[in-house]
N, C-alpha and C. Protein backbone atom coordinates (compact mmCIF):
# COMPACT_ATOMS: atom_id res chain seq x y z
N ARG A 1 10.03 78.87 74.23
CA ARG A 1 8.61 78.46 74.53
C ARG A 1 8.66 77.08 75.12
N VAL A 2 7.64 76.82 76.07
CA VAL A 2 7.63 75.61 76.67
C VAL A 2 7.37 74.36 75.65
N VAL A 3 6.63 74.60 74.60
CA VAL A 3 6.38 73.64 73.72
C VAL A 3 7.64 73.21 72.87
N ASP A 4 8.58 74.11 72.58
CA ASP A 4 9.70 74.04 72.02
C ASP A 4 10.68 73.16 72.97
N LEU A 5 10.81 73.55 74.28
CA LEU A 5 11.56 72.87 75.22
C LEU A 5 11.20 71.41 75.41
N TYR A 6 9.78 71.26 75.38
CA TYR A 6 9.21 69.91 75.43
C TYR A 6 9.68 69.02 74.27
N ALA A 7 9.69 69.63 73.08
CA ALA A 7 10.07 68.92 71.83
C ALA A 7 11.52 68.37 71.91
N ARG A 8 12.47 69.18 72.59
CA ARG A 8 13.78 68.86 72.62
C ARG A 8 14.20 68.11 73.91
N TRP A 9 13.23 67.90 74.83
CA TRP A 9 13.55 67.43 76.21
C TRP A 9 14.35 66.15 76.26
N LYS A 10 13.94 65.18 75.44
CA LYS A 10 14.60 63.80 75.53
C LYS A 10 16.04 63.99 75.14
N ALA A 11 16.37 64.65 74.06
CA ALA A 11 17.78 64.86 73.65
C ALA A 11 18.55 65.75 74.59
N ASP A 12 17.96 66.85 74.92
CA ASP A 12 18.68 67.88 75.60
C ASP A 12 18.77 67.73 76.99
N ALA A 13 17.89 66.87 77.59
CA ALA A 13 18.01 66.69 79.12
C ALA A 13 17.91 65.19 79.55
N LEU A 14 16.79 64.45 79.27
CA LEU A 14 16.79 63.12 79.65
C LEU A 14 17.81 62.24 79.32
N ASN A 15 18.34 62.30 78.12
CA ASN A 15 19.37 61.32 77.60
C ASN A 15 20.64 61.66 78.16
N LEU A 16 20.79 62.80 78.92
CA LEU A 16 22.10 63.28 79.62
C LEU A 16 22.14 62.64 81.00
N THR A 17 21.03 62.23 81.50
CA THR A 17 20.91 61.68 83.00
C THR A 17 21.62 62.64 83.88
N PRO A 18 21.27 63.80 83.95
CA PRO A 18 21.82 64.81 84.91
C PRO A 18 21.42 64.48 86.33
N ASP A 19 22.26 65.03 87.35
CA ASP A 19 21.95 64.99 88.63
C ASP A 19 21.02 66.12 89.06
N LEU A 20 20.96 67.13 88.34
CA LEU A 20 20.12 68.40 88.56
C LEU A 20 19.76 68.97 87.30
N ILE A 21 18.45 69.39 87.22
CA ILE A 21 18.00 70.15 86.10
C ILE A 21 17.33 71.43 86.63
N SER A 22 17.83 72.55 86.10
CA SER A 22 17.22 73.88 86.43
C SER A 22 16.39 74.31 85.15
N ILE A 23 15.13 74.62 85.35
CA ILE A 23 14.30 75.13 84.13
C ILE A 23 14.00 76.65 84.41
N LEU A 24 14.23 77.46 83.39
CA LEU A 24 13.70 78.86 83.37
C LEU A 24 12.90 78.95 82.03
N ILE A 25 11.58 79.02 81.95
CA ILE A 25 10.96 79.01 80.69
C ILE A 25 9.69 79.87 81.02
N GLY A 26 9.17 80.68 79.93
CA GLY A 26 8.03 81.33 80.11
C GLY A 26 7.92 82.70 79.52
N VAL A 27 9.13 83.39 79.33
CA VAL A 27 9.05 84.72 78.79
C VAL A 27 8.66 84.57 77.33
N ASN A 28 9.37 83.80 76.58
CA ASN A 28 9.05 83.72 75.13
C ASN A 28 7.66 83.21 74.92
N ASP A 29 7.02 82.50 75.72
CA ASP A 29 5.72 82.05 75.57
C ASP A 29 4.78 83.23 75.36
N THR A 30 5.08 84.21 76.18
CA THR A 30 4.40 85.48 76.15
C THR A 30 4.81 86.50 75.03
N TRP A 31 6.16 86.62 74.98
CA TRP A 31 6.73 87.59 74.03
C TRP A 31 6.25 87.17 72.44
N HIS A 32 6.34 85.95 72.26
CA HIS A 32 6.00 85.47 70.92
C HIS A 32 4.52 85.75 70.64
N GLU A 33 3.59 85.67 71.59
CA GLU A 33 2.21 86.05 71.35
C GLU A 33 1.99 87.47 71.07
N PHE A 34 2.73 88.31 71.84
CA PHE A 34 2.47 89.79 71.62
C PHE A 34 3.23 90.26 70.31
N GLY A 35 4.34 89.55 69.96
CA GLY A 35 5.00 90.05 68.78
C GLY A 35 4.52 89.38 67.49
N SER A 36 4.35 88.03 67.53
CA SER A 36 4.02 87.35 66.30
C SER A 36 2.81 86.43 66.36
N ARG A 37 2.01 86.54 67.41
CA ARG A 37 0.88 85.73 67.55
C ARG A 37 1.28 84.30 67.60
N ASN A 38 2.42 83.98 68.10
CA ASN A 38 2.89 82.55 68.04
C ASN A 38 3.34 82.14 69.47
N GLY A 39 2.63 82.57 70.51
CA GLY A 39 3.06 82.39 71.74
C GLY A 39 2.33 81.08 72.29
N VAL A 40 2.43 80.83 73.63
CA VAL A 40 1.81 79.68 74.27
C VAL A 40 0.88 80.15 75.33
N GLU A 41 -0.51 79.87 75.21
CA GLU A 41 -1.36 80.36 76.10
C GLU A 41 -1.08 79.81 77.50
N VAL A 42 -1.50 80.60 78.53
CA VAL A 42 -1.14 80.22 79.83
C VAL A 42 -1.60 78.76 80.29
N ALA A 43 -2.81 78.51 79.92
CA ALA A 43 -3.29 77.08 80.33
C ALA A 43 -2.49 76.02 79.65
N ARG A 44 -2.03 76.24 78.38
CA ARG A 44 -1.33 75.29 77.67
C ARG A 44 0.21 75.20 78.29
N TYR A 45 0.64 76.31 78.67
CA TYR A 45 1.94 76.43 79.41
C TYR A 45 1.90 75.54 80.53
N ARG A 46 0.91 75.67 81.30
CA ARG A 46 0.73 74.75 82.55
C ARG A 46 0.77 73.37 82.30
N THR A 47 -0.03 72.94 81.26
CA THR A 47 -0.21 71.61 80.86
C THR A 47 1.10 71.13 80.36
N VAL A 48 1.71 71.72 79.43
CA VAL A 48 2.91 71.24 78.82
C VAL A 48 4.16 71.22 79.76
N TYR A 49 4.26 72.17 80.72
CA TYR A 49 5.22 72.19 81.70
C TYR A 49 5.06 71.07 82.71
N ARG A 50 3.76 70.89 83.05
CA ARG A 50 3.51 69.65 83.96
C ARG A 50 3.89 68.29 83.35
N MET A 51 3.54 68.21 82.04
CA MET A 51 3.85 67.00 81.29
C MET A 51 5.48 66.79 81.24
N LEU A 52 6.14 67.91 81.02
CA LEU A 52 7.63 67.77 81.02
C LEU A 52 8.14 67.27 82.38
N LEU A 53 7.58 67.99 83.45
CA LEU A 53 8.18 67.52 84.75
C LEU A 53 7.77 65.98 85.13
N GLU A 54 6.56 65.69 84.79
CA GLU A 54 6.10 64.29 84.98
C GLU A 54 6.93 63.27 84.21
N TRP A 55 7.27 63.60 83.02
CA TRP A 55 8.19 62.81 82.18
C TRP A 55 9.58 62.68 82.79
N THR A 56 9.98 63.86 83.30
CA THR A 56 11.40 63.84 83.92
C THR A 56 11.39 63.03 85.07
N ARG A 57 10.38 62.94 86.12
CA ARG A 57 10.28 62.23 87.19
C ARG A 57 10.19 60.83 86.91
N GLN A 58 9.43 60.48 85.86
CA GLN A 58 9.31 58.99 85.50
C GLN A 58 10.61 58.42 85.01
N VAL A 59 11.31 59.25 84.17
CA VAL A 59 12.57 58.77 83.53
C VAL A 59 13.78 58.86 84.51
N LEU A 60 13.71 59.95 85.30
CA LEU A 60 14.96 60.32 86.09
C LEU A 60 14.50 60.64 87.43
N PRO A 61 14.03 59.66 88.22
CA PRO A 61 13.31 59.89 89.54
C PRO A 61 14.20 60.50 90.57
N THR A 62 15.59 60.37 90.48
CA THR A 62 16.43 60.96 91.47
C THR A 62 17.01 62.27 91.06
N THR A 63 16.83 62.72 89.99
CA THR A 63 17.21 64.07 89.49
C THR A 63 16.62 65.08 90.20
N GLN A 64 17.36 66.10 90.78
CA GLN A 64 16.78 67.21 91.51
C GLN A 64 16.30 68.16 90.53
N LEU A 65 15.12 68.61 90.63
CA LEU A 65 14.56 69.75 89.68
C LEU A 65 14.61 71.00 90.41
N VAL A 66 14.91 72.13 89.68
CA VAL A 66 14.81 73.48 90.19
C VAL A 66 14.00 74.21 89.26
N ILE A 67 12.92 74.99 89.69
CA ILE A 67 12.09 75.72 88.94
C ILE A 67 12.34 77.17 89.15
N CYS A 68 12.69 77.90 88.01
CA CYS A 68 12.94 79.19 88.01
C CYS A 68 11.80 80.12 87.44
N GLU A 69 11.40 81.10 88.08
CA GLU A 69 10.30 82.00 87.63
C GLU A 69 10.72 82.77 86.27
N PRO A 70 9.95 82.99 85.39
CA PRO A 70 10.15 83.87 84.32
C PRO A 70 10.07 85.23 84.82
N PHE A 71 10.79 86.17 84.27
CA PHE A 71 10.83 87.55 84.84
C PHE A 71 11.06 88.62 83.62
N VAL A 72 10.56 89.74 83.99
CA VAL A 72 10.76 90.87 83.04
C VAL A 72 10.79 92.15 83.83
N LEU A 73 11.25 93.10 83.30
CA LEU A 73 11.21 94.61 83.67
C LEU A 73 10.53 95.34 82.67
N PRO A 74 9.73 96.33 82.99
CA PRO A 74 8.92 97.09 81.97
C PRO A 74 9.88 98.20 81.30
N VAL A 75 10.80 97.78 80.48
CA VAL A 75 11.65 98.58 79.69
C VAL A 75 12.05 97.93 78.40
N GLY A 76 12.43 98.68 77.44
CA GLY A 76 12.80 98.07 76.13
C GLY A 76 11.65 97.34 75.40
N ALA A 77 11.95 96.02 75.07
CA ALA A 77 11.00 95.27 74.45
C ALA A 77 9.79 94.90 75.13
N VAL A 78 9.84 95.05 76.41
CA VAL A 78 8.64 94.61 77.24
C VAL A 78 7.58 95.67 77.44
N ASN A 79 6.42 95.20 77.04
CA ASN A 79 5.19 96.18 77.11
C ASN A 79 4.48 95.80 78.37
N ARG A 80 4.00 96.71 78.94
CA ARG A 80 3.29 96.60 80.31
C ARG A 80 2.17 95.52 80.17
N ASP A 81 1.52 95.44 79.03
CA ASP A 81 0.49 94.42 78.91
C ASP A 81 0.96 93.04 79.03
N TRP A 82 2.30 92.82 79.06
CA TRP A 82 2.83 91.46 79.41
C TRP A 82 2.73 90.96 80.90
N LEU A 83 2.81 92.12 81.73
CA LEU A 83 3.00 91.87 83.12
C LEU A 83 2.01 90.92 83.70
N PRO A 84 0.64 91.01 83.40
CA PRO A 84 -0.31 90.09 84.06
C PRO A 84 -0.06 88.67 83.65
N GLU A 85 0.35 88.50 82.36
CA GLU A 85 0.50 87.16 81.89
C GLU A 85 1.79 86.47 82.44
N ILE A 86 2.88 87.37 82.46
CA ILE A 86 4.09 86.80 83.08
C ILE A 86 3.81 86.40 84.64
N ALA A 87 3.06 87.36 85.42
CA ALA A 87 2.69 86.92 86.62
C ALA A 87 1.89 85.65 86.70
N ALA A 88 0.93 85.43 85.87
CA ALA A 88 0.29 84.04 85.77
C ALA A 88 1.28 82.99 85.64
N ARG A 89 2.33 83.08 84.76
CA ARG A 89 3.23 82.08 84.61
C ARG A 89 4.06 81.90 85.86
N ARG A 90 4.35 82.96 86.54
CA ARG A 90 5.13 82.76 87.85
C ARG A 90 4.31 81.98 88.78
N GLU A 91 2.96 82.17 88.88
CA GLU A 91 2.18 81.49 89.76
C GLU A 91 2.13 79.92 89.37
N ILE A 92 2.06 79.68 88.11
CA ILE A 92 2.15 78.19 87.68
C ILE A 92 3.55 77.68 88.13
N CYS A 93 4.62 78.36 88.04
CA CYS A 93 5.93 77.88 88.48
C CYS A 93 5.83 77.56 89.97
N ALA A 94 5.28 78.40 90.77
CA ALA A 94 5.22 78.22 92.20
C ALA A 94 4.34 76.92 92.45
N GLU A 95 3.21 76.72 91.74
CA GLU A 95 2.42 75.58 91.92
C GLU A 95 3.25 74.26 91.54
N LEU A 96 3.95 74.36 90.30
CA LEU A 96 4.67 73.15 89.98
C LEU A 96 5.92 72.92 90.85
N ALA A 97 6.61 73.85 91.38
CA ALA A 97 7.61 73.67 92.28
C ALA A 97 7.16 72.89 93.55
N GLN A 98 6.01 73.41 94.06
CA GLN A 98 5.39 72.69 95.22
C GLN A 98 5.05 71.31 94.90
N ALA A 99 4.37 71.09 93.70
CA ALA A 99 3.79 69.75 93.31
C ALA A 99 4.96 68.73 93.03
N PHE A 100 6.11 69.28 92.52
CA PHE A 100 7.32 68.36 92.38
C PHE A 100 8.50 68.50 93.36
N ASP A 101 8.16 69.12 94.49
CA ASP A 101 9.13 69.10 95.61
C ASP A 101 10.39 69.78 95.03
N ALA A 102 10.38 70.85 94.34
CA ALA A 102 11.48 71.51 93.65
C ALA A 102 11.65 72.92 94.33
N PRO A 103 12.91 73.35 94.58
CA PRO A 103 13.13 74.68 94.91
C PRO A 103 12.61 75.77 93.80
N LEU A 104 12.02 76.75 94.31
CA LEU A 104 11.50 77.84 93.40
C LEU A 104 12.59 79.01 93.40
N VAL A 105 13.05 79.44 92.27
CA VAL A 105 13.95 80.46 92.25
C VAL A 105 13.23 81.72 91.68
N SER A 106 12.87 82.63 92.67
CA SER A 106 12.02 83.82 92.33
C SER A 106 12.75 84.97 91.80
N PHE A 107 13.28 84.86 90.52
CA PHE A 107 14.00 85.86 89.89
C PHE A 107 13.27 87.17 89.76
N GLN A 108 11.97 87.21 89.56
CA GLN A 108 11.19 88.52 89.41
C GLN A 108 11.43 89.27 90.73
N LYS A 109 11.29 88.62 91.83
CA LYS A 109 11.63 89.38 93.12
C LYS A 109 12.97 89.90 93.21
N LEU A 110 13.94 89.16 92.81
CA LEU A 110 15.24 89.56 92.71
C LEU A 110 15.44 90.86 91.86
N PHE A 111 14.91 90.90 90.71
CA PHE A 111 15.01 92.12 89.81
C PHE A 111 14.12 93.20 90.30
N ASP A 112 13.05 93.01 90.91
CA ASP A 112 12.10 94.01 91.49
C ASP A 112 12.99 94.69 92.57
N GLU A 113 13.78 94.02 93.43
CA GLU A 113 14.53 94.58 94.41
C GLU A 113 15.76 95.29 93.75
N ALA A 114 16.38 94.78 92.71
CA ALA A 114 17.60 95.22 92.16
C ALA A 114 17.41 96.63 91.49
N VAL A 115 16.20 96.86 91.02
CA VAL A 115 15.96 98.19 90.41
C VAL A 115 15.88 99.32 91.40
N LYS A 116 15.98 98.99 92.75
CA LYS A 116 16.04 99.93 93.72
C LYS A 116 17.46 100.48 93.84
N GLU A 117 18.49 99.71 93.30
CA GLU A 117 19.84 100.02 93.25
C GLU A 117 20.35 100.59 92.02
N ALA A 118 19.77 100.24 90.98
CA ALA A 118 20.20 100.79 89.47
C ALA A 118 18.96 100.65 88.57
N PRO A 119 19.11 101.35 87.43
CA PRO A 119 18.02 101.32 86.52
C PRO A 119 17.80 99.92 85.83
N GLU A 120 16.53 99.81 85.35
CA GLU A 120 16.12 98.46 84.68
C GLU A 120 17.17 97.97 83.78
N THR A 121 17.59 98.84 82.94
CA THR A 121 18.61 98.46 81.71
C THR A 121 20.01 98.09 82.31
N TYR A 122 20.29 98.37 83.49
CA TYR A 122 21.55 98.00 84.13
C TYR A 122 21.49 96.34 84.47
N TRP A 123 20.26 95.91 84.61
CA TRP A 123 20.10 94.48 85.05
C TRP A 123 19.61 93.81 83.81
N LEU A 124 18.63 94.32 83.03
CA LEU A 124 18.07 93.62 81.79
C LEU A 124 18.08 94.63 80.74
N SER A 125 18.99 94.33 79.66
CA SER A 125 19.28 95.29 78.60
C SER A 125 17.96 95.67 77.88
N ASP A 126 17.00 94.77 77.68
CA ASP A 126 15.82 95.05 76.89
C ASP A 126 14.60 94.75 77.65
N GLY A 127 14.64 94.51 78.93
CA GLY A 127 13.64 94.14 79.83
C GLY A 127 13.52 92.70 80.02
N VAL A 128 14.21 91.86 79.23
CA VAL A 128 14.14 90.38 79.19
C VAL A 128 15.47 89.72 79.42
N HIS A 129 16.46 90.27 78.61
CA HIS A 129 17.82 89.54 78.64
C HIS A 129 18.64 90.22 79.60
N PRO A 130 19.36 89.40 80.52
CA PRO A 130 20.14 90.01 81.61
C PRO A 130 21.52 90.45 81.08
N THR A 131 21.93 91.61 81.61
CA THR A 131 23.32 92.06 81.29
C THR A 131 24.25 91.22 82.12
N LEU A 132 25.49 91.50 82.07
CA LEU A 132 26.66 90.88 82.76
C LEU A 132 26.18 90.98 84.42
N ALA A 133 25.92 92.20 84.78
CA ALA A 133 25.40 92.46 86.22
C ALA A 133 24.24 91.55 86.51
N GLY A 134 23.28 91.63 85.59
CA GLY A 134 22.07 90.72 85.84
C GLY A 134 22.35 89.25 85.95
N HIS A 135 23.24 88.74 85.15
CA HIS A 135 23.61 87.38 85.15
C HIS A 135 24.27 87.01 86.45
N MET A 136 25.24 87.97 86.91
CA MET A 136 25.94 87.74 88.17
C MET A 136 25.02 87.72 89.35
N ARG A 137 24.01 88.59 89.34
CA ARG A 137 23.12 88.64 90.44
C ARG A 137 22.22 87.35 90.38
N MET A 138 21.70 86.97 89.31
CA MET A 138 21.01 85.73 89.08
C MET A 138 21.71 84.51 89.70
N ALA A 139 23.05 84.33 89.24
CA ALA A 139 23.74 83.28 89.58
C ALA A 139 23.96 83.15 91.15
N ASP A 140 24.30 84.31 91.77
CA ASP A 140 24.35 84.35 93.30
C ASP A 140 22.94 84.00 93.89
N TYR A 141 21.89 84.50 93.31
CA TYR A 141 20.55 84.31 93.98
C TYR A 141 20.14 82.88 93.68
N TRP A 142 20.51 82.27 92.61
CA TRP A 142 20.14 80.94 92.34
C TRP A 142 20.84 80.05 93.27
N LEU A 143 22.09 80.11 93.56
CA LEU A 143 22.85 79.40 94.63
C LEU A 143 22.32 79.49 95.95
N ARG A 144 21.87 80.65 96.30
CA ARG A 144 21.34 80.87 97.61
C ARG A 144 19.85 80.31 97.65
N SER A 145 19.15 80.10 96.65
CA SER A 145 17.85 79.58 96.55
C SER A 145 17.73 78.09 96.44
N VAL A 146 18.78 77.39 96.16
CA VAL A 146 18.74 75.91 95.97
C VAL A 146 19.55 75.33 97.11
N PRO A 147 18.78 74.62 98.02
CA PRO A 147 19.47 74.09 99.31
C PRO A 147 20.63 73.10 99.03
N GLY A 148 21.50 73.20 99.74
CA GLY A 148 22.76 72.18 99.70
C GLY A 148 23.72 72.46 98.59
N LEU A 149 23.65 73.61 97.98
CA LEU A 149 24.70 73.96 96.91
C LEU A 149 25.61 75.09 97.21
N ALA A 150 25.09 76.01 98.01
CA ALA A 150 26.04 77.25 98.30
C ALA A 150 26.86 76.96 99.44
């Protein structure tokens, strides 16, 4: 969840002074709400995510940011009721990527295309967690989405 990421951000990211930070956050914000009523509302997700990025820019102004969209496929643990909320979080990621001049890695688009080649569970074992094939596809896509790295 984005609130948990924010709580760990100084120790896990800022103190390491990385050259690049790639962030993929949002599915658990939804999943925990549908499962245990302990998720993070979409509006709060936007607010906390923006605060995290502003903090990063303030402390590490030259660190490259990469924003990755949260993604799911409607199989296994994923209920179709999640889809509109995940879509809203993807829109927020696009807004933040533009606002912070960061590449946007559209993983949902990647997996929406991938299911034309193989079933959902080939890519995401439970609709959320990538399989080895899913991870390999993501890594290749990430490299192609971030300018100057591939």
